[in-house]
Amino acid sequence: MSAARIDKNIAFLGAGNMAGALLRGLLASGAAAPERIWCVDVRPERLEELARRYGVRTGSDNREAAAWADVVVLATKPQVFDRLLPDVAAGLRPEALAISIAAGIPLSAIEARLPEGARVVRTMPNTPAIVDAGATAIAPGSHATAADVALAKQFFDCVGLTVVLDESLLDAVTGLSGSGPAYIFLIIEALSDAGVKVGLHRDSAQLLAAQTVLGSAKLLLETGEHPGRLKDQVTSPGGTAIAGLHTLESGSIRKTLIDAVESATARSRQLGEEMAKKLAR
């Protein structure tokens, strides 16, 4: 299904996995044209790959690309953000929008290093965006308009689902959906191990475990039912599911998952504070 066309020049400053996923989603959906995209990265082999695969413009000059673009996607690793922002500030045009996908970098820290009044949107995507199943939260900066938020949402709708939230909630998003794939992969691995223990071949166990997680999530999203109600539909009196659920509850699975999200949220907040201090120097 094709998306509405984004008739703007788009520069990706940093061309890692997440930027690559967004680039592919924009092109595959028809939302953007290759000739209106410029990818910048420090790795020549990565730029060659993107140019060959998608026909986009590539280069190594952040300032030049920022000056050309209507939308500048800040997609470098957080650790080198302090080196990226001066180039962006020098090139960013007053009418351009900056979209950050860097984890843990507060809007205030970005805005402070860009020209006065710069329009910035901060996002928190997750790795399933690589297969068009991402979950992304979007938070507008102090000068971002409703149109800017809608444009950022259009970008990330190409690779999954999006929600618009206040920035104060992005650490919680990082703890839940940003880090969440790691929790789910651990659960799938554990279920696969369990399948092997009870006699299944490893390949069959992993396939069944992964499809069960995928199918359960799809059932919840498409029906809109409360997960507890869907759980009850699987759980017959005196049956197998209630026996398994009893064991899970005995192991405090709810508490463990809640604690994991809480811990990851706290760590995200701590890292954000550290990055803000680094950018303030």
Protein backbone atom coordinates (compact mmCIF):
# COMPACT_ATOMS: atom_id res chain seq x y z
CA MET A 1 0.00 0.00 0.00
CA SER A 2 1.54 3.30 -1.09
CA ALA A 3 1.93 6.25 1.25
CA ALA A 4 1.37 9.93 0.56
CA ARG A 5 4.42 11.41 -1.15
CA ILE A 6 6.81 13.53 0.92
CA ASP A 7 7.96 16.18 -1.55
CA LYS A 8 10.99 17.28 0.43
CA ASN A 9 14.74 16.79 0.31
CA ILE A 10 15.74 14.38 3.08
CA ALA A 11 19.25 14.02 4.51
CA PHE A 12 20.22 11.10 6.74
CA LEU A 13 23.23 12.08 8.80
CA GLY A 14 24.37 8.63 9.85
CA ALA A 15 23.37 5.57 7.85
CA GLY A 16 23.27 2.71 10.34
CA ASN A 17 20.62 0.03 10.75
CA MET A 18 17.83 2.31 11.94
CA ALA A 19 18.45 4.94 9.28
CA GLY A 20 18.64 2.16 6.71
CA ALA A 21 15.30 0.76 7.88
CA LEU A 22 13.66 4.18 7.64
CA LEU A 23 15.21 4.79 4.22
CA ARG A 24 13.96 1.45 2.91
CA GLY A 25 10.48 2.04 4.35
CA LEU A 26 10.19 5.48 2.77
CA LEU A 27 11.21 4.19 -0.64
CA ALA A 28 9.25 0.92 -0.53
CA SER A 29 6.04 2.73 0.42
CA GLY A 30 6.49 5.35 -2.27
CA ALA A 31 6.60 8.12 0.32
CA ALA A 32 9.94 9.42 -0.96
CA ALA A 33 11.89 9.35 -4.20
CA PRO A 34 15.56 8.24 -4.31
CA GLU A 35 16.72 11.47 -5.97
CA ARG A 36 15.46 13.45 -2.98
CA ILE A 37 17.46 11.50 -0.40
CA TRP A 38 21.07 12.10 0.63
CA CYS A 39 22.84 9.69 3.01
CA VAL A 40 25.97 10.69 4.90
CA ASP A 41 28.22 8.28 6.77
CA VAL A 42 31.87 7.80 7.68
CA ARG A 43 31.96 4.29 6.13
CA PRO A 44 32.49 4.34 2.35
CA GLU A 45 31.40 0.71 2.02
CA ARG A 46 28.05 1.51 3.65
CA LEU A 47 27.48 4.46 1.31
CA GLU A 48 28.35 2.30 -1.70
CA GLU A 49 25.83 -0.29 -0.54
CA LEU A 50 23.03 2.26 -0.16
CA ALA A 51 23.77 3.93 -3.49
CA ARG A 52 23.80 0.56 -5.26
CA ARG A 53 20.68 -0.79 -3.56
CA TYR A 54 18.46 2.31 -3.55
CA GLY A 55 19.96 4.80 -6.00
CA VAL A 56 20.19 7.55 -3.37
CA ARG A 57 22.79 10.29 -3.22
CA THR A 58 25.63 9.66 -0.77
CA GLY A 59 28.52 11.62 0.70
CA SER A 60 30.58 12.40 3.77
CA ASP A 61 29.86 16.10 4.37
CA ASN A 62 27.22 16.59 7.11
CA ARG A 63 27.17 20.36 6.69
CA GLU A 64 26.60 20.24 2.93
CA ALA A 65 23.82 17.67 3.25
CA ALA A 66 22.12 19.62 6.05
CA ALA A 67 22.18 22.80 3.95
CA TRP A 68 20.55 20.94 1.03
CA ALA A 69 17.79 19.23 3.03
CA ASP A 70 14.28 20.20 4.06
CA VAL A 71 14.32 17.37 6.61
CA VAL A 72 17.52 16.41 8.42
CA VAL A 73 17.46 13.04 10.18
CA LEU A 74 20.03 12.97 12.99
CA ALA A 75 20.94 9.30 13.00
CA THR A 76 24.49 9.02 14.34
CA LYS A 77 25.33 7.18 17.54
CA PRO A 78 24.71 9.26 20.69
CA GLN A 79 28.40 9.08 21.57
CA VAL A 80 29.36 11.23 18.56
CA PHE A 81 26.39 13.59 18.64
CA ASP A 82 28.54 16.38 20.03
CA ARG A 83 30.64 16.25 16.85
CA LEU A 84 27.61 16.14 14.55
CA LEU A 85 25.62 19.10 15.90
CA PRO A 86 28.10 21.89 15.00
CA ASP A 87 27.96 20.78 11.34
CA VAL A 88 24.17 20.63 11.46
CA ALA A 89 24.00 24.06 13.08
CA ALA A 90 26.19 25.53 10.37
CA GLY A 91 24.12 24.10 7.55
CA LEU A 92 20.55 23.86 8.83
CA ARG A 93 18.18 26.24 7.06
CA PRO A 94 15.56 28.15 9.14
CA GLU A 95 12.65 26.37 7.40
CA ALA A 96 14.14 22.88 7.79
CA LEU A 97 13.03 20.23 10.27
CA ALA A 98 15.48 18.14 12.30
CA ILE A 99 14.36 14.66 13.38
CA SER A 100 16.52 12.92 15.97
CA ILE A 101 16.55 9.13 16.31
CA ALA A 102 19.48 9.16 18.75
CA ALA A 103 18.60 7.44 22.02
CA GLY A 104 18.94 9.46 25.20
CA ILE A 105 19.65 12.91 23.74
CA PRO A 106 17.14 15.39 25.22
CA LEU A 107 15.44 17.93 23.00
CA SER A 108 16.78 20.79 25.12
CA ALA A 109 20.36 19.64 24.51
CA ILE A 110 19.80 19.43 20.76
CA GLU A 111 18.00 22.77 20.53
CA ALA A 112 20.73 24.48 22.54
CA ARG A 113 23.33 23.51 19.93
CA LEU A 114 21.24 24.47 16.89
CA PRO A 115 20.25 27.96 15.65
CA GLU A 116 17.66 29.84 17.69
CA GLY A 117 14.15 28.68 16.83
CA ALA A 118 15.25 25.46 15.16
CA ARG A 119 12.39 22.98 14.75
CA VAL A 120 13.28 19.60 16.23
CA VAL A 121 11.34 16.37 16.75
CA ARG A 122 12.80 13.62 18.92
CA THR A 123 11.87 10.00 18.27
CA MET A 124 12.39 6.64 19.98
CA PRO A 125 12.07 3.82 17.42
CA ASN A 126 12.95 0.16 17.98
CA THR A 127 14.74 -2.48 15.94
CA PRO A 128 11.66 -4.27 14.51
CA ALA A 129 11.43 -1.22 12.23
CA ILE A 130 13.95 -3.18 10.14
CA VAL A 131 11.09 -5.54 9.16
CA ASP A 132 8.34 -2.87 9.07
CA ALA A 133 7.08 -3.84 12.52
CA GLY A 134 8.53 -1.00 14.55
CA ALA A 135 7.05 0.86 17.49
CA THR A 136 8.09 4.52 17.54
CA ALA A 137 7.30 7.33 19.96
CA ILE A 138 7.51 10.92 18.71
CA ALA A 139 7.99 14.00 20.90
CA PRO A 140 7.93 17.57 19.51
CA GLY A 141 10.50 20.18 20.50
CA SER A 142 9.64 23.65 21.74
CA HIS A 143 9.46 25.15 18.23
CA ALA A 144 8.04 22.16 16.33
CA THR A 145 4.65 22.67 14.71
CA ALA A 146 1.73 20.29 14.33
CA ALA A 147 2.76 19.90 10.68
CA ASP A 148 6.28 18.90 11.79
CA VAL A 149 4.86 16.22 14.08
CA ALA A 150 2.60 14.95 11.30
CA LEU A 151 5.58 14.77 8.93
CA ALA A 152 7.69 12.86 11.45
CA LYS A 153 4.79 10.50 12.03
CA GLN A 154 4.50 9.94 8.28
CA PHE A 155 8.19 8.92 8.23
CA PHE A 156 7.82 6.32 10.95
CA ASP A 157 4.42 5.05 9.86
CA CYS A 158 6.36 3.63 6.90
CA VAL A 159 8.11 1.16 9.22
CA GLY A 160 5.46 0.32 11.83
CA LEU A 161 3.24 2.02 14.39
CA THR A 162 3.76 5.44 15.94
CA VAL A 163 2.51 7.31 18.98
CA VAL A 164 2.95 11.00 19.82
CA LEU A 165 3.91 11.65 23.43
CA ASP A 166 5.41 14.28 25.67
CA GLU A 167 9.19 14.04 25.86
CA SER A 168 8.99 13.33 29.60
CA LEU A 169 7.66 9.87 28.69
CA LEU A 170 10.42 8.87 26.27
CA ASP A 171 12.55 7.24 28.97
CA ALA A 172 9.57 5.01 29.76
CA VAL A 173 9.21 4.26 26.04
CA THR A 174 12.89 3.33 25.94
CA GLY A 175 12.41 0.99 28.88
CA LEU A 176 9.34 -0.65 27.32
CA SER A 177 9.43 -0.76 23.52
CA GLY A 178 12.97 0.48 22.91
CA SER A 179 14.53 -2.24 25.05
CA GLY A 180 11.54 -4.57 24.77
CA PRO A 181 12.77 -6.60 21.78
CA ALA A 182 15.62 -7.87 23.96
CA TYR A 183 13.10 -9.12 26.53
CA ILE A 184 11.01 -10.82 23.84
CA PHE A 185 14.05 -12.47 22.25
CA LEU A 186 14.98 -13.84 25.67
CA ILE A 187 11.44 -15.17 26.11
CA ILE A 188 11.51 -16.79 22.66
CA GLU A 189 14.89 -18.35 23.43
CA ALA A 190 13.60 -19.69 26.75
CA LEU A 191 10.46 -21.11 25.13
CA SER A 192 12.65 -22.74 22.47
CA ASP A 193 14.82 -24.31 25.18
CA ALA A 194 11.67 -25.56 26.85
CA GLY A 195 10.49 -27.10 23.61
CA VAL A 196 13.80 -28.90 23.23
CA LYS A 197 13.57 -30.14 26.81
CA VAL A 198 10.18 -31.73 26.17
CA GLY A 199 11.32 -33.40 22.96
CA LEU A 200 11.05 -30.97 20.03
CA HIS A 201 13.86 -30.41 17.54
CA ARG A 202 15.59 -27.04 18.06
CA ASP A 203 14.50 -25.60 14.69
CA SER A 204 10.87 -26.62 15.21
CA ALA A 205 10.84 -25.31 18.78
CA GLN A 206 12.23 -21.92 17.78
CA LEU A 207 9.89 -21.57 14.82
CA LEU A 208 6.85 -22.44 16.94
CA ALA A 209 7.92 -20.12 19.77
CA ALA A 210 8.54 -17.15 17.46
CA GLN A 211 5.30 -17.64 15.53
CA THR A 212 3.36 -17.95 18.78
CA VAL A 213 4.70 -14.58 19.97
CA LEU A 214 4.02 -12.99 16.57
CA GLY A 215 0.53 -14.45 16.30
CA SER A 216 -0.44 -13.52 19.84
CA ALA A 217 0.66 -9.92 19.34
CA LYS A 218 -1.20 -9.71 16.03
CA LEU A 219 -4.35 -11.15 17.59
CA LEU A 220 -4.27 -8.54 20.36
CA LEU A 221 -3.62 -5.63 17.98
CA GLU A 222 -6.27 -6.64 15.45
CA THR A 223 -9.03 -7.50 17.92
CA GLY A 224 -8.34 -4.72 20.42
CA GLU A 225 -9.21 -7.14 23.21
CA HIS A 226 -7.66 -6.82 26.66
CA PRO A 227 -4.75 -9.28 26.96
CA GLY A 228 -6.29 -10.77 30.08
CA ARG A 229 -9.44 -11.65 28.16
CA LEU A 230 -7.45 -13.24 25.35
CA LYS A 231 -5.50 -15.20 27.95
CA ASP A 232 -8.75 -16.47 29.44
CA GLN A 233 -9.88 -17.67 26.00
CA VAL A 234 -6.86 -20.00 25.88
CA THR A 235 -7.23 -21.16 29.48
CA SER A 236 -9.76 -23.95 29.93
CA PRO A 237 -10.69 -25.36 33.38
CA GLY A 238 -8.15 -27.88 34.59
CA GLY A 239 -6.27 -27.66 31.27
CA THR A 240 -2.70 -27.28 30.12
CA ALA A 241 -2.58 -23.49 29.87
CA ILE A 242 -3.66 -22.91 33.47
CA ALA A 243 -1.00 -25.36 34.63
CA GLY A 244 1.65 -23.42 32.73
CA LEU A 245 0.31 -20.06 33.94
CA HIS A 246 0.46 -21.27 37.53
CA THR A 247 4.16 -22.00 37.10
CA LEU A 248 4.78 -18.60 35.49
CA GLU A 249 3.00 -16.79 38.30
CA SER A 250 4.92 -18.84 40.88
CA GLY A 251 8.10 -17.54 39.26
CA SER A 252 6.85 -13.93 39.54
CA ILE A 253 6.96 -13.35 35.79
CA ARG A 254 4.82 -10.20 36.06
CA LYS A 255 7.07 -8.68 38.71
CA THR A 256 10.19 -9.61 36.78
CA LEU A 257 9.00 -7.97 33.57
CA ILE A 258 7.77 -4.88 35.41
CA ASP A 259 11.12 -4.62 37.20
CA ALA A 260 12.96 -4.99 33.87
CA VAL A 261 11.05 -2.10 32.29
CA GLU A 262 11.51 0.02 35.40
CA SER A 263 15.26 -0.66 35.50
CA ALA A 264 15.69 0.09 31.80
CA THR A 265 13.69 3.32 32.19
CA ALA A 266 15.91 4.45 35.06
CA ARG A 267 19.04 3.65 33.05
CA SER A 268 17.68 5.57 30.05
CA ARG A 269 17.07 8.58 32.27
CA GLN A 270 20.60 8.36 33.68
CA LEU A 271 22.19 8.09 30.23
CA GLY A 272 20.14 11.05 29.00
CA GLU A 273 21.37 13.19 31.87
CA GLU A 274 24.95 12.17 31.11
CA MET A 275 24.58 13.02 27.41
CA ALA A 276 22.97 16.37 28.23
CA LYS A 277 25.96 17.25 30.43
CA LYS A 278 28.37 16.20 27.68
CA LEU A 279 26.61 18.38 25.10
CA ALA A 280 26.53 21.33 27.51
CA ARG A 281 30.31 21.51 27.74
